[in-house]
Amino acid sequence: MNTTRQFISMQTFRRLMDGDTWRVVVLFILTMLFRYLIAILTLLVTFESIATAGDAKRNPFFDGEILQYRVRWGFFRLGTITITQQRMIQDGRELYYCKMKAESNPKLPFIDVFFVNSALVDPDTLTSVGFVSELGRTGGHRFVHQWDRANRCITVTEIRDDSLIRSECVPTQERIENELSMLLIMRMLAGSGETVTLHSVMEYKVTTTDVEFTREKEFIEVPAFHEPLRGRRFDGKANWTRKDYAGLKGEFRGWVSDDSAAVMLKSEMKIFLGSVVLELESY
């Protein structure tokens, strides 16, 4: 009895598998396998996108960008630094007018710092066409830096109250940076794993700043955002001292947002008072 039922079942199965029915079953199986593979590939692409999101090409140039930082020493607010960018076209060439304004807290009697740095920066080479540093609240004391290609030097001109104090061509074979182009380079190279030495002219001589851009990722809390942001850390050493920058000197470190905008989130550095912290408070 069981043998007869098995024989009938096999015959029924063979009939069902004859002709178009077999092709339909095979097509159904292949379709399910294809959908499964597509689902797996989609997951892999998603995971890869998440893994490499922090490795996107960094572009620190953004027309109209305004970054404001608070500067604190412990619980005391020492002052405010505001950095802006504006895109412009000069003789058919794309440039960015970058400006940094630093002002100490007027409520603190023991420190008085005010300066405005500005530069025209080429976004393709990160080099500055020109650089001006204005010291003091009246803006009467300023330094103008111009690159002299013919003589391979940086012409530094010091002006006080519209009177020429000094003009000197500082010879150098190195590429020269200023505070703004250095900041843009730090944003661009964040997370690269590179170590660089940046050259700049301060007080009529060439000085160096060493920076190591680590691949380390850390979550950083800053007043500008409600949630911690993932940042890439860099460590540096300023082989110089700036008295007009409240004695800025020595080792420093900072964190840049781990995305294509590469915004400076936070920095720690030393001045004559000790260690100070810069934190992004508006963006």
Protein backbone atom coordinates (compact mmCIF):
# COMPACT_ATOMS: atom_id res chain seq x y z
CA MET A 1 0.00 0.00 0.00
CA ASN A 2 2.74 2.40 0.90
CA THR A 3 4.74 1.41 -2.24
CA THR A 4 1.77 2.19 -4.49
CA ARG A 5 1.32 5.60 -2.85
CA GLN A 6 5.02 6.36 -3.25
CA PHE A 7 4.83 5.34 -6.97
CA ILE A 8 1.80 7.58 -7.53
CA SER A 9 3.51 10.46 -5.72
CA MET A 10 6.64 10.12 -7.87
CA GLN A 11 4.56 10.03 -11.04
CA THR A 12 2.64 13.12 -9.88
CA PHE A 13 5.92 14.91 -9.07
CA ARG A 14 7.39 14.08 -12.49
CA ARG A 15 4.28 15.38 -14.24
CA LEU A 16 4.46 18.58 -12.24
CA MET A 17 8.11 18.98 -13.13
CA ASP A 18 7.54 18.45 -16.87
CA GLY A 19 7.69 21.33 -19.39
CA ASP A 20 7.20 24.92 -18.25
CA THR A 21 6.63 24.05 -14.59
CA TRP A 22 10.27 23.04 -14.14
CA ARG A 23 11.51 26.25 -15.75
CA VAL A 24 9.23 28.29 -13.49
CA VAL A 25 10.62 26.61 -10.37
CA VAL A 26 14.23 27.13 -11.50
CA LEU A 27 13.51 30.78 -12.33
CA PHE A 28 11.91 31.28 -8.90
CA ILE A 29 14.97 29.79 -7.14
CA LEU A 30 17.37 31.91 -9.19
CA THR A 31 15.30 35.04 -8.49
CA MET A 32 15.42 34.41 -4.72
CA LEU A 33 19.18 33.83 -4.85
CA PHE A 34 19.64 37.06 -6.82
CA ARG A 35 17.59 39.02 -4.28
CA TYR A 36 19.63 37.51 -1.47
CA LEU A 37 22.90 38.51 -3.12
CA ILE A 38 21.61 42.05 -3.73
CA ALA A 39 20.65 42.33 -0.04
CA ILE A 40 24.13 41.17 1.03
CA LEU A 41 25.84 43.59 -1.35
CA THR A 42 23.66 46.44 -0.10
CA LEU A 43 24.66 45.71 3.49
CA LEU A 44 28.34 45.54 2.52
CA VAL A 45 28.15 48.87 0.69
CA THR A 46 26.37 50.43 3.68
CA PHE A 47 28.99 49.18 6.12
CA GLU A 48 31.78 50.37 3.82
CA SER A 49 30.18 53.82 3.58
CA ILE A 50 29.96 54.06 7.36
CA ALA A 51 33.55 52.90 7.77
CA THR A 52 34.93 55.39 5.26
CA ALA A 53 32.67 58.37 6.06
CA GLY A 54 35.43 59.94 8.15
CA ASP A 55 37.95 59.52 5.30
CA ALA A 56 36.10 61.79 2.86
CA LYS A 57 38.17 64.37 1.03
CA ARG A 58 38.53 67.38 3.27
CA ASN A 59 37.75 70.83 1.91
CA PRO A 60 38.24 73.62 4.46
CA PHE A 61 37.09 76.35 2.06
CA PHE A 62 33.50 77.52 2.34
CA ASP A 63 32.19 80.85 1.13
CA GLY A 64 30.54 82.75 3.99
CA GLU A 65 31.89 80.49 6.74
CA ILE A 66 31.97 82.08 10.20
CA LEU A 67 33.59 80.19 13.06
CA GLN A 68 33.57 81.65 16.55
CA TYR A 69 35.67 80.24 19.38
CA ARG A 70 35.73 81.00 23.06
CA VAL A 71 39.13 81.09 24.72
CA ARG A 72 39.17 79.97 28.33
CA TRP A 73 41.71 79.50 31.06
CA GLY A 74 40.15 77.10 33.52
CA PHE A 75 36.71 78.55 34.24
CA PHE A 76 37.66 82.06 33.10
CA ARG A 77 36.79 83.27 29.63
CA LEU A 78 39.87 85.04 28.32
CA GLY A 79 38.42 86.16 25.02
CA THR A 80 36.95 85.34 21.62
CA ILE A 81 38.40 84.39 18.24
CA THR A 82 36.33 84.73 15.08
CA ILE A 83 37.45 83.31 11.72
CA THR A 84 35.65 84.12 8.48
CA GLN A 85 35.98 83.25 4.79
CA GLN A 86 34.73 84.97 1.67
CA ARG A 87 35.17 83.71 -1.89
CA MET A 88 36.29 86.23 -4.49
CA ILE A 89 37.60 86.38 -8.04
CA GLN A 90 40.72 88.44 -8.71
CA ASP A 91 42.04 88.71 -12.27
CA GLY A 92 40.08 85.59 -13.15
CA ARG A 93 41.61 83.65 -10.27
CA GLU A 94 39.58 82.11 -7.45
CA LEU A 95 40.79 83.22 -4.03
CA TYR A 96 39.43 83.22 -0.49
CA TYR A 97 39.69 86.26 1.74
CA CYS A 98 40.28 84.77 5.18
CA LYS A 99 40.20 86.81 8.36
CA MET A 100 40.95 86.05 12.01
CA LYS A 101 39.97 88.45 14.76
CA ALA A 102 41.10 87.86 18.34
CA GLU A 103 39.96 89.95 21.29
CA SER A 104 40.58 89.44 24.98
CA ASN A 105 37.76 89.72 27.48
CA PRO A 106 37.50 93.44 28.37
CA LYS A 107 36.37 92.49 31.89
CA LEU A 108 39.79 90.99 32.67
CA PRO A 109 42.26 93.67 33.77
CA PHE A 110 45.40 91.52 33.60
CA ILE A 111 45.35 90.76 29.87
CA ASP A 112 44.75 92.95 26.82
CA VAL A 113 45.08 91.29 23.42
CA PHE A 114 43.57 92.45 20.15
CA PHE A 115 44.69 91.60 16.65
CA VAL A 116 43.24 91.04 13.19
CA ASN A 117 44.98 88.82 10.65
CA SER A 118 43.85 88.67 7.04
CA ALA A 119 45.08 86.84 3.96
CA LEU A 120 44.14 86.02 0.38
CA VAL A 121 44.52 82.26 0.02
CA ASP A 122 44.61 80.17 -3.16
CA PRO A 123 42.39 77.11 -2.50
CA ASP A 124 44.31 74.97 -5.02
CA THR A 125 47.75 75.46 -3.46
CA LEU A 126 46.86 76.73 0.04
CA THR A 127 49.39 79.52 -0.50
CA SER A 128 48.74 83.13 0.47
CA VAL A 129 48.89 85.93 -2.08
CA GLY A 130 49.38 88.42 0.75
CA PHE A 131 49.10 88.63 4.52
CA VAL A 132 48.40 91.52 6.89
CA SER A 133 48.55 91.46 10.69
CA GLU A 134 47.05 94.41 12.59
CA LEU A 135 47.85 94.78 16.28
CA GLY A 136 45.95 96.85 18.82
CA ARG A 137 42.37 98.06 18.91
CA THR A 138 43.05 101.13 16.79
CA GLY A 139 44.65 99.11 13.97
CA GLY A 140 47.46 101.64 13.75
CA HIS A 141 50.23 99.05 14.10
CA ARG A 142 50.40 96.50 11.30
CA PHE A 143 52.74 94.16 9.47
CA VAL A 144 52.35 93.51 5.74
CA HIS A 145 53.90 90.38 4.21
CA GLN A 146 54.45 90.08 0.45
CA TRP A 147 56.21 87.30 -1.43
CA ASP A 148 59.07 88.57 -3.63
CA ARG A 149 59.52 85.84 -6.23
CA ALA A 150 62.43 87.51 -8.00
CA ASN A 151 64.57 87.72 -4.86
CA ARG A 152 63.20 84.57 -3.16
CA CYS A 153 62.28 86.42 0.01
CA ILE A 154 59.35 87.66 2.05
CA THR A 155 59.09 91.43 2.24
CA VAL A 156 57.92 92.41 5.72
CA THR A 157 56.79 96.01 6.14
CA GLU A 158 55.98 97.42 9.58
CA ILE A 159 53.73 100.48 9.75
CA ARG A 160 52.65 102.40 12.83
CA ASP A 161 50.15 105.26 12.62
CA ASP A 162 50.69 105.47 8.83
CA SER A 163 54.43 105.89 9.30
CA LEU A 164 56.91 103.39 7.92
CA ILE A 165 58.88 101.84 10.76
CA ARG A 166 60.82 99.13 8.96
CA SER A 167 60.84 97.20 5.69
CA GLU A 168 63.01 94.18 5.20
CA CYS A 169 63.24 91.28 2.76
CA VAL A 170 63.63 88.04 4.74
CA PRO A 171 65.43 85.49 2.53
CA THR A 172 64.09 81.95 2.45
CA GLN A 173 64.09 78.88 0.24
CA GLU A 174 61.11 77.42 2.07
CA ARG A 175 57.42 77.79 1.43
CA ILE A 176 56.18 80.39 3.94
CA GLU A 177 52.87 80.14 5.77
CA ASN A 178 50.97 82.52 7.98
CA GLU A 179 48.49 81.94 10.78
CA LEU A 180 45.53 81.54 8.41
CA SER A 181 47.17 79.30 5.81
CA MET A 182 48.58 77.16 8.64
CA LEU A 183 45.09 76.74 10.06
CA LEU A 184 43.73 75.70 6.64
CA ILE A 185 46.57 73.20 6.20
CA MET A 186 45.80 71.69 9.61
CA ARG A 187 42.17 71.30 8.58
CA MET A 188 43.12 69.77 5.23
CA LEU A 189 45.64 67.23 6.61
CA ALA A 190 43.63 66.14 9.68
CA GLY A 191 43.64 62.36 10.02
CA SER A 192 46.25 61.91 7.27
CA GLY A 193 48.93 60.34 9.48
CA GLU A 194 51.50 62.81 8.11
CA THR A 195 54.09 64.85 10.00
CA VAL A 196 55.03 68.24 8.56
CA THR A 197 57.18 71.24 9.40
CA LEU A 198 55.58 74.57 8.54
CA HIS A 199 57.68 77.69 8.04
CA SER A 200 56.55 81.22 8.82
CA VAL A 201 58.09 84.65 9.27
CA MET A 202 57.84 86.24 12.71
CA GLU A 203 59.70 89.32 13.82
CA TYR A 204 61.79 89.37 10.63
CA LYS A 205 63.05 85.81 10.88
CA VAL A 206 61.93 82.40 9.64
CA THR A 207 60.50 80.15 12.36
CA THR A 208 59.12 76.61 12.28
CA THR A 209 56.08 74.79 13.60
CA ASP A 210 56.05 70.97 13.73
CA VAL A 211 52.69 69.20 13.41
CA GLU A 212 51.83 65.50 13.54
CA PHE A 213 48.41 64.59 12.14
CA THR A 214 47.38 61.41 13.91
CA ARG A 215 44.79 58.94 12.63
CA GLU A 216 43.21 58.74 16.07
CA LYS A 217 39.48 59.43 16.34
CA GLU A 218 38.02 60.94 19.48
CA PHE A 219 34.58 62.28 20.37
CA ILE A 220 34.83 65.95 21.30
CA GLU A 221 32.30 68.11 23.13
CA VAL A 222 32.11 71.78 22.14
CA PRO A 223 29.50 74.46 22.95
CA ALA A 224 28.45 74.80 19.29
CA PHE A 225 26.79 71.36 19.21
CA HIS A 226 24.49 69.47 21.57
CA GLU A 227 26.10 66.09 20.83
CA PRO A 228 29.78 65.09 20.87
CA LEU A 229 31.39 65.11 17.42
CA ARG A 230 34.00 62.70 16.13
CA GLY A 231 37.29 64.48 15.56
CA ARG A 232 40.81 63.76 14.35
CA ARG A 233 43.61 64.86 16.67
CA PHE A 234 46.83 66.61 15.73
CA ASP A 235 49.80 67.37 17.97
CA GLY A 236 52.19 70.24 17.37
CA LYS A 237 55.05 72.29 18.70
CA ALA A 238 55.60 75.98 18.02
CA ASN A 239 59.34 76.62 17.98
CA TRP A 240 58.77 80.30 18.66
CA THR A 241 57.09 82.68 21.12
CA ARG A 242 54.70 85.50 20.25
CA LYS A 243 54.50 88.20 22.91
CA ASP A 244 51.70 89.97 21.03
CA TYR A 245 49.69 86.71 21.17
CA ALA A 246 49.78 86.62 24.97
CA GLY A 247 53.04 84.67 24.92
CA LEU A 248 51.83 81.82 22.72
CA LYS A 249 54.55 79.15 22.58
CA GLY A 250 55.52 75.49 22.80
CA GLU A 251 53.36 72.41 22.48
CA PHE A 252 49.74 72.45 21.36
CA ARG A 253 47.09 70.04 20.15
CA GLY A 254 43.77 70.24 18.39
CA TRP A 255 40.83 68.30 17.02
CA VAL A 256 39.27 68.69 13.56
CA SER A 257 35.79 67.39 12.70
CA ASP A 258 36.00 64.00 10.97
CA ASP A 259 34.04 65.00 7.86
CA SER A 260 34.55 66.80 4.56
CA ALA A 261 34.12 70.26 6.16
CA ALA A 262 37.08 69.61 8.51
CA VAL A 263 36.12 72.28 11.03
CA MET A 264 38.50 73.01 13.87
CA LEU A 265 36.57 71.94 16.95
CA LYS A 266 38.96 72.47 19.81
CA SER A 267 42.57 73.35 20.54
CA GLU A 268 44.77 73.43 23.61
CA MET A 269 47.89 75.61 23.77
CA LYS A 270 50.22 77.42 26.10
CA ILE A 271 50.49 81.14 26.81
CA PHE A 272 52.21 83.05 29.59
CA LEU A 273 49.27 82.34 31.94
CA GLY A 274 49.54 78.57 31.40
CA SER A 275 47.35 76.28 29.26
CA VAL A 276 44.35 77.73 27.47
CA VAL A 277 41.56 76.04 25.52
CA LEU A 278 39.84 77.18 22.34
CA GLU A 279 36.37 75.71 21.79
CA LEU A 280 33.99 76.20 18.87
CA GLU A 281 30.89 77.97 20.15
CA SER A 282 29.11 78.90 16.90
CA TYR A 283 29.26 77.60 13.35
